[in-house]
């Protein structure tokens, strides 16, 4: 199933969605730490307001990934729209720029299998390693991996989800490193993750 434009996607309570976007022409969208922190603050604010659970997220220099669950009637697509409308205005003001910051509308996909859901968690958290930013996902502070493994007490995490799906932080750590070390995945998962690169 290809990524859908947000206006063609059906947003439903209880469903999981992968949402992502990148800077126009792959330009850097997060220039400094304050940019990341501003965005994380907005994610907290709007995910609470819209009753959306943040399962996994990662903000990188020129793109972002969210894996969310829509817990209420408010469409999960309102989260990136509100967060990055605020961010773009603040960014343009701070750096005296104008116009769009992102490569069109965000992309979104309904996650329809448990296998894809679980592998997407480690794909998102492993992204900074895969992209050469750090050697260990725990060294990248702009994701919720540290919450997942119990090393930071942040709010943008669903601890019940982690416990139900993985049992413990240690089990999840193993799951992530297994992917990062070998990248040997079932064919359907490999295709699913490869499609994220397009």
N, C-alpha and C. Protein backbone atom coordinates (compact mmCIF):
# COMPACT_ATOMS: atom_id res chain seq x y z
N UNK A 1 0.85 -1.20 0.00
CA UNK A 1 0.00 0.00 0.00
C UNK A 1 0.88 1.24 0.00
N UNK A 2 0.75 2.12 -0.97
CA UNK A 2 1.60 3.32 -1.01
C UNK A 2 1.20 4.32 0.07
N UNK A 3 2.11 5.23 0.34
CA UNK A 3 1.76 6.31 1.27
C UNK A 3 0.61 7.11 0.69
N UNK A 4 -0.23 7.60 1.57
CA UNK A 4 -1.41 8.34 1.13
C UNK A 4 -1.29 9.80 1.52
N UNK A 5 -1.83 10.66 0.69
CA UNK A 5 -1.93 12.06 1.09
C UNK A 5 -2.91 12.12 2.25
N UNK A 6 -2.67 13.07 3.16
CA UNK A 6 -3.48 13.11 4.37
C UNK A 6 -4.97 13.30 4.07
N UNK A 7 -5.31 13.95 2.95
CA UNK A 7 -6.72 14.17 2.65
C UNK A 7 -7.37 12.94 2.01
N UNK A 8 -6.58 11.91 1.68
CA UNK A 8 -7.12 10.69 1.09
C UNK A 8 -7.10 9.54 2.08
N UNK A 9 -6.59 9.77 3.27
CA UNK A 9 -6.44 8.72 4.27
C UNK A 9 -7.62 8.76 5.23
N UNK A 10 -8.08 7.59 5.63
CA UNK A 10 -9.14 7.53 6.63
C UNK A 10 -8.51 7.45 8.01
N UNK A 11 -8.82 8.42 8.84
CA UNK A 11 -8.28 8.45 10.20
C UNK A 11 -9.31 7.80 11.12
N UNK A 12 -8.88 6.78 11.86
CA UNK A 12 -9.82 6.05 12.72
C UNK A 12 -9.27 5.85 14.12
N UNK A 13 -10.16 5.97 15.08
CA UNK A 13 -9.81 5.73 16.48
C UNK A 13 -9.26 4.31 16.64
N UNK A 14 -8.17 4.20 17.40
CA UNK A 14 -7.58 2.90 17.68
C UNK A 14 -6.56 2.42 16.66
N UNK A 15 -6.42 3.15 15.54
CA UNK A 15 -5.49 2.73 14.49
C UNK A 15 -4.11 3.37 14.70
N UNK A 16 -3.09 2.67 14.21
CA UNK A 16 -1.71 3.15 14.26
C UNK A 16 -1.32 3.73 12.90
N UNK A 17 -0.57 4.83 12.93
CA UNK A 17 -0.16 5.51 11.70
C UNK A 17 1.33 5.85 11.75
N UNK A 18 1.99 5.66 10.63
CA UNK A 18 3.35 6.16 10.46
C UNK A 18 3.23 7.46 9.67
N UNK A 19 3.77 8.53 10.24
CA UNK A 19 3.69 9.87 9.63
C UNK A 19 5.11 10.41 9.53
N UNK A 20 5.46 10.92 8.35
CA UNK A 20 6.80 11.50 8.23
C UNK A 20 6.84 12.54 7.11
N UNK A 21 7.92 13.32 7.16
CA UNK A 21 8.16 14.31 6.11
C UNK A 21 9.63 14.73 6.21
N UNK A 22 10.09 15.45 5.18
CA UNK A 22 11.46 15.96 5.21
C UNK A 22 11.49 17.37 4.65
N UNK A 23 12.62 18.02 4.89
CA UNK A 23 12.79 19.39 4.41
C UNK A 23 12.79 19.45 2.90
N UNK A 24 12.27 20.54 2.36
CA UNK A 24 12.25 20.73 0.92
C UNK A 24 13.69 20.63 0.39
N UNK A 25 13.88 19.87 -0.68
CA UNK A 25 15.22 19.60 -1.23
C UNK A 25 16.17 19.03 -0.19
N UNK A 26 15.62 18.34 0.79
CA UNK A 26 16.39 17.70 1.88
C UNK A 26 17.18 18.71 2.72
N UNK A 27 16.72 19.96 2.74
CA UNK A 27 17.38 21.01 3.51
C UNK A 27 17.30 20.69 5.01
N UNK A 28 18.26 21.16 5.78
CA UNK A 28 18.25 21.00 7.23
C UNK A 28 17.07 21.77 7.81
N UNK A 29 16.21 21.07 8.57
CA UNK A 29 15.06 21.74 9.18
C UNK A 29 15.27 21.99 10.67
N UNK A 30 16.21 21.24 11.26
CA UNK A 30 16.55 21.46 12.67
C UNK A 30 18.02 21.86 12.72
N UNK A 31 18.26 23.16 12.91
CA UNK A 31 19.63 23.68 12.85
C UNK A 31 20.37 23.60 14.17
N UNK A 32 19.64 23.64 15.27
CA UNK A 32 20.29 23.68 16.58
C UNK A 32 19.37 23.04 17.62
N UNK A 33 19.90 22.83 18.80
CA UNK A 33 19.16 22.12 19.84
C UNK A 33 17.82 22.78 20.16
N UNK A 34 17.78 24.11 20.19
CA UNK A 34 16.53 24.78 20.52
C UNK A 34 15.42 24.45 19.51
N UNK A 35 15.78 24.19 18.26
CA UNK A 35 14.79 23.78 17.25
C UNK A 35 14.15 22.45 17.63
N UNK A 36 14.99 21.50 18.02
CA UNK A 36 14.49 20.19 18.43
C UNK A 36 13.59 20.31 19.66
N UNK A 37 14.05 21.08 20.65
CA UNK A 37 13.32 21.19 21.91
C UNK A 37 11.98 21.90 21.71
N UNK A 38 11.95 22.91 20.87
CA UNK A 38 10.69 23.60 20.55
C UNK A 38 9.70 22.59 19.97
N UNK A 39 10.17 21.78 19.02
CA UNK A 39 9.31 20.82 18.34
C UNK A 39 8.80 19.76 19.30
N UNK A 40 9.67 19.25 20.17
CA UNK A 40 9.25 18.25 21.14
C UNK A 40 8.19 18.83 22.09
N UNK A 41 8.36 20.08 22.47
CA UNK A 41 7.34 20.74 23.30
C UNK A 41 6.00 20.82 22.59
N UNK A 42 6.02 21.13 21.31
CA UNK A 42 4.78 21.20 20.53
C UNK A 42 4.14 19.81 20.35
N UNK A 43 4.99 18.79 20.17
CA UNK A 43 4.46 17.42 20.06
C UNK A 43 3.71 17.06 21.35
N UNK A 44 4.30 17.37 22.50
CA UNK A 44 3.65 17.10 23.79
C UNK A 44 2.31 17.83 23.87
N UNK A 45 2.34 19.10 23.54
CA UNK A 45 1.14 19.94 23.64
C UNK A 45 0.01 19.40 22.75
N UNK A 46 0.30 19.16 21.49
CA UNK A 46 -0.76 18.77 20.55
C UNK A 46 -1.16 17.30 20.67
N UNK A 47 -0.25 16.43 21.06
CA UNK A 47 -0.66 15.03 21.21
C UNK A 47 -1.64 14.90 22.37
N UNK A 48 -1.44 15.68 23.42
CA UNK A 48 -2.40 15.70 24.54
C UNK A 48 -3.73 16.30 24.10
N UNK A 49 -3.65 17.44 23.41
CA UNK A 49 -4.87 18.13 22.99
C UNK A 49 -5.72 17.27 22.06
N UNK A 50 -5.08 16.47 21.20
CA UNK A 50 -5.81 15.67 20.21
C UNK A 50 -6.00 14.22 20.63
N UNK A 51 -5.55 13.86 21.85
CA UNK A 51 -5.71 12.49 22.35
C UNK A 51 -5.05 11.48 21.40
N UNK A 52 -3.76 11.72 21.16
CA UNK A 52 -2.96 10.87 20.28
C UNK A 52 -1.78 10.34 21.10
N UNK A 53 -1.59 9.03 21.08
CA UNK A 53 -0.45 8.43 21.79
C UNK A 53 0.75 8.38 20.87
N UNK A 54 1.87 8.89 21.37
CA UNK A 54 3.13 8.81 20.63
C UNK A 54 3.77 7.48 20.99
N UNK A 55 3.87 6.60 20.01
CA UNK A 55 4.50 5.31 20.24
C UNK A 55 6.01 5.44 20.04
N UNK A 56 6.44 5.87 18.88
CA UNK A 56 7.86 6.08 18.60
C UNK A 56 8.01 7.34 17.77
N UNK A 57 9.05 8.11 18.04
CA UNK A 57 9.33 9.27 17.19
C UNK A 57 10.83 9.46 17.10
N UNK A 58 11.23 10.13 16.04
CA UNK A 58 12.62 10.54 15.87
C UNK A 58 12.65 11.80 15.02
N UNK A 59 13.31 12.82 15.52
CA UNK A 59 13.56 14.04 14.77
C UNK A 59 15.02 14.00 14.33
N UNK A 60 15.26 14.07 13.02
CA UNK A 60 16.62 14.12 12.51
C UNK A 60 16.87 15.50 11.90
N UNK A 61 18.06 15.71 11.36
CA UNK A 61 18.41 17.04 10.88
C UNK A 61 17.49 17.52 9.77
N UNK A 62 17.11 16.62 8.84
CA UNK A 62 16.30 17.08 7.71
C UNK A 62 14.98 16.33 7.53
N UNK A 63 14.60 15.50 8.53
CA UNK A 63 13.32 14.80 8.44
C UNK A 63 12.86 14.34 9.82
N UNK A 64 11.64 13.83 9.86
CA UNK A 64 11.11 13.29 11.11
C UNK A 64 10.25 12.07 10.82
N UNK A 65 10.10 11.22 11.84
CA UNK A 65 9.20 10.08 11.81
C UNK A 65 8.37 10.07 13.08
N UNK A 66 7.07 9.84 12.94
CA UNK A 66 6.19 9.61 14.08
C UNK A 66 5.48 8.27 13.86
N UNK A 67 5.37 7.48 14.90
CA UNK A 67 4.47 6.34 14.91
C UNK A 67 3.47 6.63 16.03
N UNK A 68 2.22 6.81 15.66
CA UNK A 68 1.21 7.25 16.63
C UNK A 68 0.00 6.32 16.61
N UNK A 69 -0.74 6.39 17.71
CA UNK A 69 -2.05 5.71 17.76
C UNK A 69 -3.10 6.78 18.01
N UNK A 70 -4.13 6.78 17.21
CA UNK A 70 -5.22 7.74 17.38
C UNK A 70 -6.17 7.19 18.45
N UNK A 71 -6.19 7.84 19.61
CA UNK A 71 -6.99 7.34 20.73
C UNK A 71 -8.37 7.99 20.83
N UNK A 72 -8.59 9.06 20.08
CA UNK A 72 -9.88 9.74 20.12
C UNK A 72 -10.43 9.93 18.71
N UNK A 73 -11.36 10.85 18.59
CA UNK A 73 -11.98 11.10 17.28
C UNK A 73 -11.18 12.09 16.43
N UNK A 74 -10.33 12.87 17.08
CA UNK A 74 -9.52 13.87 16.36
C UNK A 74 -8.54 13.14 15.45
N UNK A 75 -8.50 13.46 14.15
CA UNK A 75 -7.59 12.77 13.23
C UNK A 75 -6.12 12.90 13.64
N UNK A 76 -5.40 11.79 13.60
CA UNK A 76 -3.97 11.82 13.96
C UNK A 76 -3.19 12.76 13.06
N UNK A 77 -3.67 13.00 11.84
CA UNK A 77 -3.00 13.92 10.93
C UNK A 77 -2.98 15.36 11.41
N UNK A 78 -3.82 15.69 12.40
CA UNK A 78 -3.79 17.04 12.96
C UNK A 78 -2.50 17.30 13.75
N UNK A 79 -1.89 16.20 14.25
CA UNK A 79 -0.67 16.37 15.05
C UNK A 79 0.48 16.97 14.25
N UNK A 80 0.93 16.34 13.15
CA UNK A 80 2.04 16.95 12.41
C UNK A 80 1.67 18.29 11.81
N UNK A 81 0.42 18.43 11.39
CA UNK A 81 -0.01 19.70 10.80
C UNK A 81 0.14 20.84 11.80
N UNK A 82 -0.35 20.63 13.03
CA UNK A 82 -0.28 21.69 14.06
C UNK A 82 1.14 21.92 14.53
N UNK A 83 1.87 20.83 14.78
CA UNK A 83 3.25 20.95 15.27
C UNK A 83 4.10 21.73 14.27
N UNK A 84 4.02 21.34 13.00
CA UNK A 84 4.96 21.93 12.03
C UNK A 84 4.46 23.24 11.42
N UNK A 85 3.17 23.55 11.54
CA UNK A 85 2.73 24.92 11.23
C UNK A 85 3.36 25.88 12.24
N UNK A 86 3.29 25.50 13.53
CA UNK A 86 3.90 26.33 14.58
C UNK A 86 5.41 26.43 14.38
N UNK A 87 6.02 25.28 14.09
CA UNK A 87 7.47 25.26 13.95
C UNK A 87 7.94 26.10 12.77
N UNK A 88 7.26 25.98 11.63
CA UNK A 88 7.66 26.73 10.44
C UNK A 88 7.57 28.23 10.69
N UNK A 89 6.51 28.68 11.37
CA UNK A 89 6.38 30.11 11.69
C UNK A 89 7.53 30.56 12.59
N UNK A 90 7.83 29.76 13.62
CA UNK A 90 8.90 30.12 14.55
C UNK A 90 10.27 30.09 13.84
N UNK A 91 10.47 29.10 12.99
CA UNK A 91 11.72 28.95 12.24
C UNK A 91 11.93 30.15 11.32
N UNK A 92 10.90 30.49 10.55
CA UNK A 92 11.01 31.62 9.62
C UNK A 92 11.30 32.93 10.35
N UNK A 93 10.68 33.11 11.50
CA UNK A 93 10.91 34.32 12.28
C UNK A 93 12.34 34.34 12.83
N UNK A 94 12.77 33.23 13.39
CA UNK A 94 14.10 33.16 14.01
C UNK A 94 15.22 33.35 12.99
N UNK A 95 15.09 32.72 11.82
CA UNK A 95 16.17 32.75 10.84
C UNK A 95 15.93 33.73 9.69
N UNK A 96 14.89 34.57 9.85
CA UNK A 96 14.56 35.59 8.85
C UNK A 96 14.44 34.98 7.45
N UNK A 97 13.65 33.91 7.38
CA UNK A 97 13.38 33.26 6.10
C UNK A 97 11.88 33.31 5.86
N UNK A 98 11.45 32.80 4.73
CA UNK A 98 10.00 32.78 4.46
C UNK A 98 9.68 31.56 3.60
N UNK A 99 8.41 31.26 3.54
CA UNK A 99 7.96 30.18 2.67
C UNK A 99 7.96 28.83 3.37
N UNK A 100 7.75 27.82 2.55
CA UNK A 100 7.61 26.46 3.08
C UNK A 100 8.94 25.88 3.50
N UNK A 101 8.91 25.06 4.52
CA UNK A 101 10.11 24.41 5.03
C UNK A 101 10.14 22.94 4.61
N UNK A 102 8.97 22.39 4.36
CA UNK A 102 8.86 20.96 4.10
C UNK A 102 8.56 20.63 2.65
N UNK A 103 8.85 19.39 2.30
CA UNK A 103 8.66 18.88 0.96
C UNK A 103 7.19 18.49 0.77
N UNK A 104 6.34 19.47 0.67
CA UNK A 104 4.90 19.21 0.52
C UNK A 104 4.27 18.75 1.81
N UNK A 105 3.09 18.13 1.67
CA UNK A 105 2.38 17.64 2.83
C UNK A 105 3.10 16.44 3.42
N UNK A 106 2.86 16.21 4.70
CA UNK A 106 3.43 15.02 5.32
C UNK A 106 2.85 13.77 4.65
N UNK A 107 3.59 12.68 4.77
CA UNK A 107 3.09 11.40 4.28
C UNK A 107 2.59 10.58 5.46
N UNK A 108 1.62 9.73 5.20
CA UNK A 108 1.05 8.92 6.28
C UNK A 108 0.61 7.58 5.74
N UNK A 109 0.72 6.58 6.60
CA UNK A 109 0.31 5.23 6.23
C UNK A 109 -0.30 4.55 7.44
N UNK A 110 -1.40 3.86 7.23
CA UNK A 110 -2.00 3.04 8.28
C UNK A 110 -1.12 1.80 8.45
N UNK A 111 -0.82 1.45 9.68
CA UNK A 111 -0.05 0.24 9.94
C UNK A 111 -1.04 -0.89 10.18
N UNK A 112 -0.99 -1.90 9.34
CA UNK A 112 -2.06 -2.90 9.34
C UNK A 112 -1.66 -4.26 9.92
N UNK A 113 -0.38 -4.49 10.18
CA UNK A 113 0.00 -5.77 10.78
C UNK A 113 0.87 -5.53 12.01
N UNK A 114 0.81 -6.48 12.93
CA UNK A 114 1.63 -6.36 14.15
C UNK A 114 3.11 -6.39 13.80
N UNK A 115 3.48 -7.23 12.84
CA UNK A 115 4.88 -7.33 12.43
C UNK A 115 5.40 -5.98 11.94
N UNK A 116 4.64 -5.32 11.08
CA UNK A 116 5.06 -4.01 10.58
C UNK A 116 5.12 -2.99 11.71
N UNK A 117 4.17 -3.05 12.62
CA UNK A 117 4.13 -2.13 13.75
C UNK A 117 5.40 -2.25 14.59
N UNK A 118 5.78 -3.48 14.93
CA UNK A 118 6.95 -3.68 15.80
C UNK A 118 8.25 -3.34 15.09
N UNK A 119 8.36 -3.73 13.83
CA UNK A 119 9.59 -3.41 13.09
C UNK A 119 9.72 -1.92 12.83
N UNK A 120 8.60 -1.23 12.69
CA UNK A 120 8.64 0.21 12.48
C UNK A 120 9.19 0.92 13.72
N UNK A 121 8.87 0.42 14.91
CA UNK A 121 9.42 1.01 16.14
C UNK A 121 10.94 1.02 16.08
N UNK A 122 11.53 -0.13 15.77
CA UNK A 122 12.99 -0.18 15.78
C UNK A 122 13.60 0.51 14.57
N UNK A 123 12.88 0.56 13.47
CA UNK A 123 13.36 1.33 12.31
C UNK A 123 13.48 2.80 12.69
N UNK A 124 12.44 3.34 13.32
CA UNK A 124 12.44 4.75 13.71
C UNK A 124 13.57 5.03 14.71
N UNK A 125 13.69 4.20 15.73
CA UNK A 125 14.73 4.43 16.75
C UNK A 125 16.13 4.17 16.21
N UNK A 126 16.25 3.30 15.22
CA UNK A 126 17.55 3.00 14.64
C UNK A 126 17.97 3.96 13.54
N UNK A 127 17.07 4.83 13.13
CA UNK A 127 17.33 5.75 12.02
C UNK A 127 18.60 6.59 12.18
N UNK A 128 18.85 7.19 13.36
CA UNK A 128 20.07 8.00 13.50
C UNK A 128 21.36 7.18 13.35
N UNK A 129 21.31 5.90 13.68
CA UNK A 129 22.47 5.01 13.48
C UNK A 129 22.61 4.72 12.00
N UNK A 130 21.50 4.33 11.38
CA UNK A 130 21.50 4.00 9.95
C UNK A 130 21.99 5.18 9.12
N UNK A 131 21.65 6.40 9.56
CA UNK A 131 22.04 7.61 8.82
C UNK A 131 23.41 8.14 9.22
N UNK A 132 24.12 7.44 10.10
CA UNK A 132 25.49 7.81 10.44
C UNK A 132 25.64 8.95 11.42
N UNK A 133 24.59 9.28 12.15
CA UNK A 133 24.67 10.39 13.10
C UNK A 133 25.28 9.97 14.44
N UNK A 134 25.00 8.74 14.84
CA UNK A 134 25.51 8.20 16.10
C UNK A 134 25.77 6.71 15.90
N UNK A 135 26.54 6.12 16.84
CA UNK A 135 26.81 4.68 16.77
C UNK A 135 25.78 3.87 17.58
N UNK A 136 25.12 4.55 18.51
CA UNK A 136 24.17 3.89 19.40
C UNK A 136 22.90 4.74 19.43
N UNK A 137 21.71 4.15 19.24
CA UNK A 137 20.49 4.98 19.26
C UNK A 137 20.30 5.74 20.57
N UNK A 138 20.88 5.25 21.66
CA UNK A 138 20.77 5.94 22.95
C UNK A 138 21.55 7.26 22.96
N UNK A 139 22.44 7.45 21.99
CA UNK A 139 23.23 8.69 21.92
C UNK A 139 22.50 9.80 21.14
N UNK A 140 21.34 9.49 20.57
CA UNK A 140 20.58 10.51 19.83
C UNK A 140 19.42 10.96 20.73
N UNK A 141 19.49 12.18 21.27
CA UNK A 141 18.49 12.59 22.27
C UNK A 141 17.13 12.99 21.72
N UNK A 142 17.00 13.08 20.39
CA UNK A 142 15.77 13.63 19.81
C UNK A 142 14.84 12.53 19.29
N UNK A 143 14.75 11.46 20.07
CA UNK A 143 13.77 10.41 19.82
C UNK A 143 13.30 9.96 21.20
N UNK A 144 12.34 9.05 21.24
CA UNK A 144 11.92 8.55 22.56
C UNK A 144 12.52 7.17 22.86
N UNK A 145 13.63 6.84 22.21
CA UNK A 145 14.31 5.58 22.49
C UNK A 145 14.74 5.50 23.96
N UNK A 146 15.25 6.58 24.52
CA UNK A 146 15.70 6.58 25.92
C UNK A 146 14.54 6.29 26.87
N UNK A 147 13.33 6.76 26.54
CA UNK A 147 12.16 6.42 27.34
C UNK A 147 11.85 4.93 27.22
N UNK A 148 11.96 4.42 25.99
CA UNK A 148 11.67 3.00 25.74
C UNK A 148 12.57 2.10 26.57
N UNK A 149 13.84 2.47 26.73
CA UNK A 149 14.77 1.58 27.44
C UNK A 149 14.94 2.00 28.91
N UNK A 150 14.09 2.91 29.38
CA UNK A 150 14.06 3.27 30.80
C UNK A 150 15.18 4.16 31.27
N UNK A 151 15.83 4.89 30.34
CA UNK A 151 16.95 5.75 30.73
C UNK A 151 16.58 7.24 30.78
N UNK A 152 15.33 7.56 30.47
CA UNK A 152 14.86 8.95 30.58
C UNK A 152 13.38 8.89 30.93
N UNK A 153 12.96 9.80 31.77
CA UNK A 153 11.58 9.77 32.26
C UNK A 153 10.70 10.79 31.53
N UNK A 154 10.69 10.73 30.21
CA UNK A 154 9.88 11.66 29.44
C UNK A 154 8.42 11.22 29.34
N UNK A 155 7.60 12.10 28.83
CA UNK A 155 6.15 11.84 28.75
C UNK A 155 5.71 11.30 27.38
N UNK A 156 6.54 11.48 26.36
CA UNK A 156 6.14 11.08 25.01
C UNK A 156 6.44 9.60 24.76
N UNK A 157 5.72 8.76 25.47
CA UNK A 157 5.92 7.32 25.34
C UNK A 157 4.69 6.61 25.89
N UNK A 158 4.42 5.43 25.37
CA UNK A 158 3.33 4.60 25.87
C UNK A 158 3.96 3.36 26.51
N UNK A 159 4.22 3.44 27.80
CA UNK A 159 4.92 2.35 28.49
C UNK A 159 4.12 1.05 28.49
N UNK A 160 2.81 1.17 28.50
CA UNK A 160 1.96 -0.02 28.45
C UNK A 160 2.15 -0.75 27.11
N UNK A 161 2.28 0.02 26.04
CA UNK A 161 2.53 -0.58 24.72
C UNK A 161 3.84 -1.37 24.75
N UNK A 162 4.89 -0.77 25.31
CA UNK A 162 6.21 -1.43 25.35
C UNK A 162 6.12 -2.74 26.14
N UNK A 163 5.48 -2.66 27.30
CA UNK A 163 5.36 -3.86 28.14
C UNK A 163 4.54 -4.95 27.45
N UNK A 164 3.44 -4.56 26.82
CA UNK A 164 2.58 -5.54 26.15
C UNK A 164 3.26 -6.17 24.94
N UNK A 165 4.05 -5.39 24.21
CA UNK A 165 4.64 -5.89 22.96
C UNK A 165 6.00 -6.54 23.15
N UNK A 166 6.77 -6.04 24.14
CA UNK A 166 8.15 -6.51 24.28
C UNK A 166 8.48 -7.08 25.66
N UNK A 167 7.66 -6.81 26.63
CA UNK A 167 7.89 -7.35 27.97
C UNK A 167 8.80 -6.49 28.82
N UNK A 168 9.92 -6.06 28.25
CA UNK A 168 10.86 -5.25 29.04
C UNK A 168 11.72 -4.38 28.13
N UNK A 169 12.35 -3.40 28.75
CA UNK A 169 13.27 -2.51 28.02
C UNK A 169 14.43 -3.31 27.45
N UNK A 170 14.90 -4.30 28.21
CA UNK A 170 16.03 -5.12 27.77
C UNK A 170 15.68 -5.90 26.50
N UNK A 171 14.46 -6.43 26.44
CA UNK A 171 14.03 -7.18 25.25
C UNK A 171 13.96 -6.25 24.03
N UNK A 172 13.48 -5.03 24.25
CA UNK A 172 13.40 -4.09 23.13
C UNK A 172 14.79 -3.70 22.64
N UNK A 173 15.70 -3.47 23.58
CA UNK A 173 17.09 -3.14 23.21
C UNK A 173 17.67 -4.23 22.30
N UNK A 174 17.47 -5.47 22.69
CA UNK A 174 17.96 -6.60 21.89
C UNK A 174 17.34 -6.58 20.50
N UNK A 175 16.05 -6.30 20.44
CA UNK A 175 15.31 -6.25 19.17
C UNK A 175 15.89 -5.18 18.25
N UNK A 176 16.21 -4.02 18.81
CA UNK A 176 16.78 -2.92 18.02
C UNK A 176 18.17 -3.28 17.52
N UNK A 177 19.02 -3.79 18.41
CA UNK A 177 20.40 -4.08 18.02
C UNK A 177 20.50 -5.26 17.06
N UNK A 178 19.57 -6.19 17.16
CA UNK A 178 19.51 -7.29 16.20
C UNK A 178 19.31 -6.72 14.79
N UNK A 179 18.43 -5.74 14.67
CA UNK A 179 18.18 -5.08 13.38
C UNK A 179 19.40 -4.30 12.91
N UNK A 180 20.00 -3.53 13.82
CA UNK A 180 21.13 -2.68 13.44
C UNK A 180 22.36 -3.50 13.06
N UNK A 181 22.55 -4.63 13.72
CA UNK A 181 23.73 -5.45 13.43
C UNK A 181 23.57 -6.26 12.16
N UNK A 182 22.40 -6.80 11.92
CA UNK A 182 22.27 -7.74 10.81
C UNK A 182 21.40 -7.24 9.66
N UNK A 183 20.39 -6.47 9.97
CA UNK A 183 19.40 -6.04 8.99
C UNK A 183 18.80 -7.23 8.22
N UNK A 184 18.85 -8.42 8.82
CA UNK A 184 18.22 -9.59 8.20
C UNK A 184 16.77 -9.63 8.67
N UNK A 185 15.88 -9.37 7.75
CA UNK A 185 14.47 -9.24 8.09
C UNK A 185 13.63 -10.10 7.16
N UNK A 186 12.43 -10.47 7.60
CA UNK A 186 11.52 -11.16 6.69
C UNK A 186 11.27 -10.30 5.44
N UNK A 187 11.03 -10.95 4.31
CA UNK A 187 10.87 -10.23 3.03
C UNK A 187 9.81 -9.15 3.08
N UNK A 188 8.64 -9.46 3.68
CA UNK A 188 7.57 -8.46 3.70
C UNK A 188 7.95 -7.25 4.54
N UNK A 189 8.69 -7.48 5.63
CA UNK A 189 9.13 -6.38 6.49
C UNK A 189 10.20 -5.57 5.78
N UNK A 190 11.13 -6.26 5.10
CA UNK A 190 12.18 -5.57 4.35
C UNK A 190 11.57 -4.65 3.29
N UNK A 191 10.59 -5.17 2.55
CA UNK A 191 9.92 -4.36 1.53
C UNK A 191 9.21 -3.17 2.18
N UNK A 192 8.53 -3.43 3.28
CA UNK A 192 7.82 -2.38 4.02
C UNK A 192 8.79 -1.27 4.44
N UNK A 193 9.95 -1.66 5.02
CA UNK A 193 10.92 -0.67 5.47
C UNK A 193 11.64 0.00 4.30
N UNK A 194 11.92 -0.76 3.25
CA UNK A 194 12.54 -0.16 2.06
C UNK A 194 11.64 0.90 1.43
N UNK A 195 10.35 0.66 1.46
CA UNK A 195 9.39 1.64 0.90
C UNK A 195 9.44 2.97 1.66
N UNK A 196 9.85 2.92 2.94
CA UNK A 196 9.96 4.15 3.72
C UNK A 196 11.06 5.05 3.20
N UNK A 197 12.02 4.46 2.49
CA UNK A 197 13.17 5.22 1.99
C UNK A 197 12.82 6.00 0.73
N UNK A 198 11.73 5.67 0.09
CA UNK A 198 11.40 6.28 -1.22
C UNK A 198 10.83 7.67 -1.05
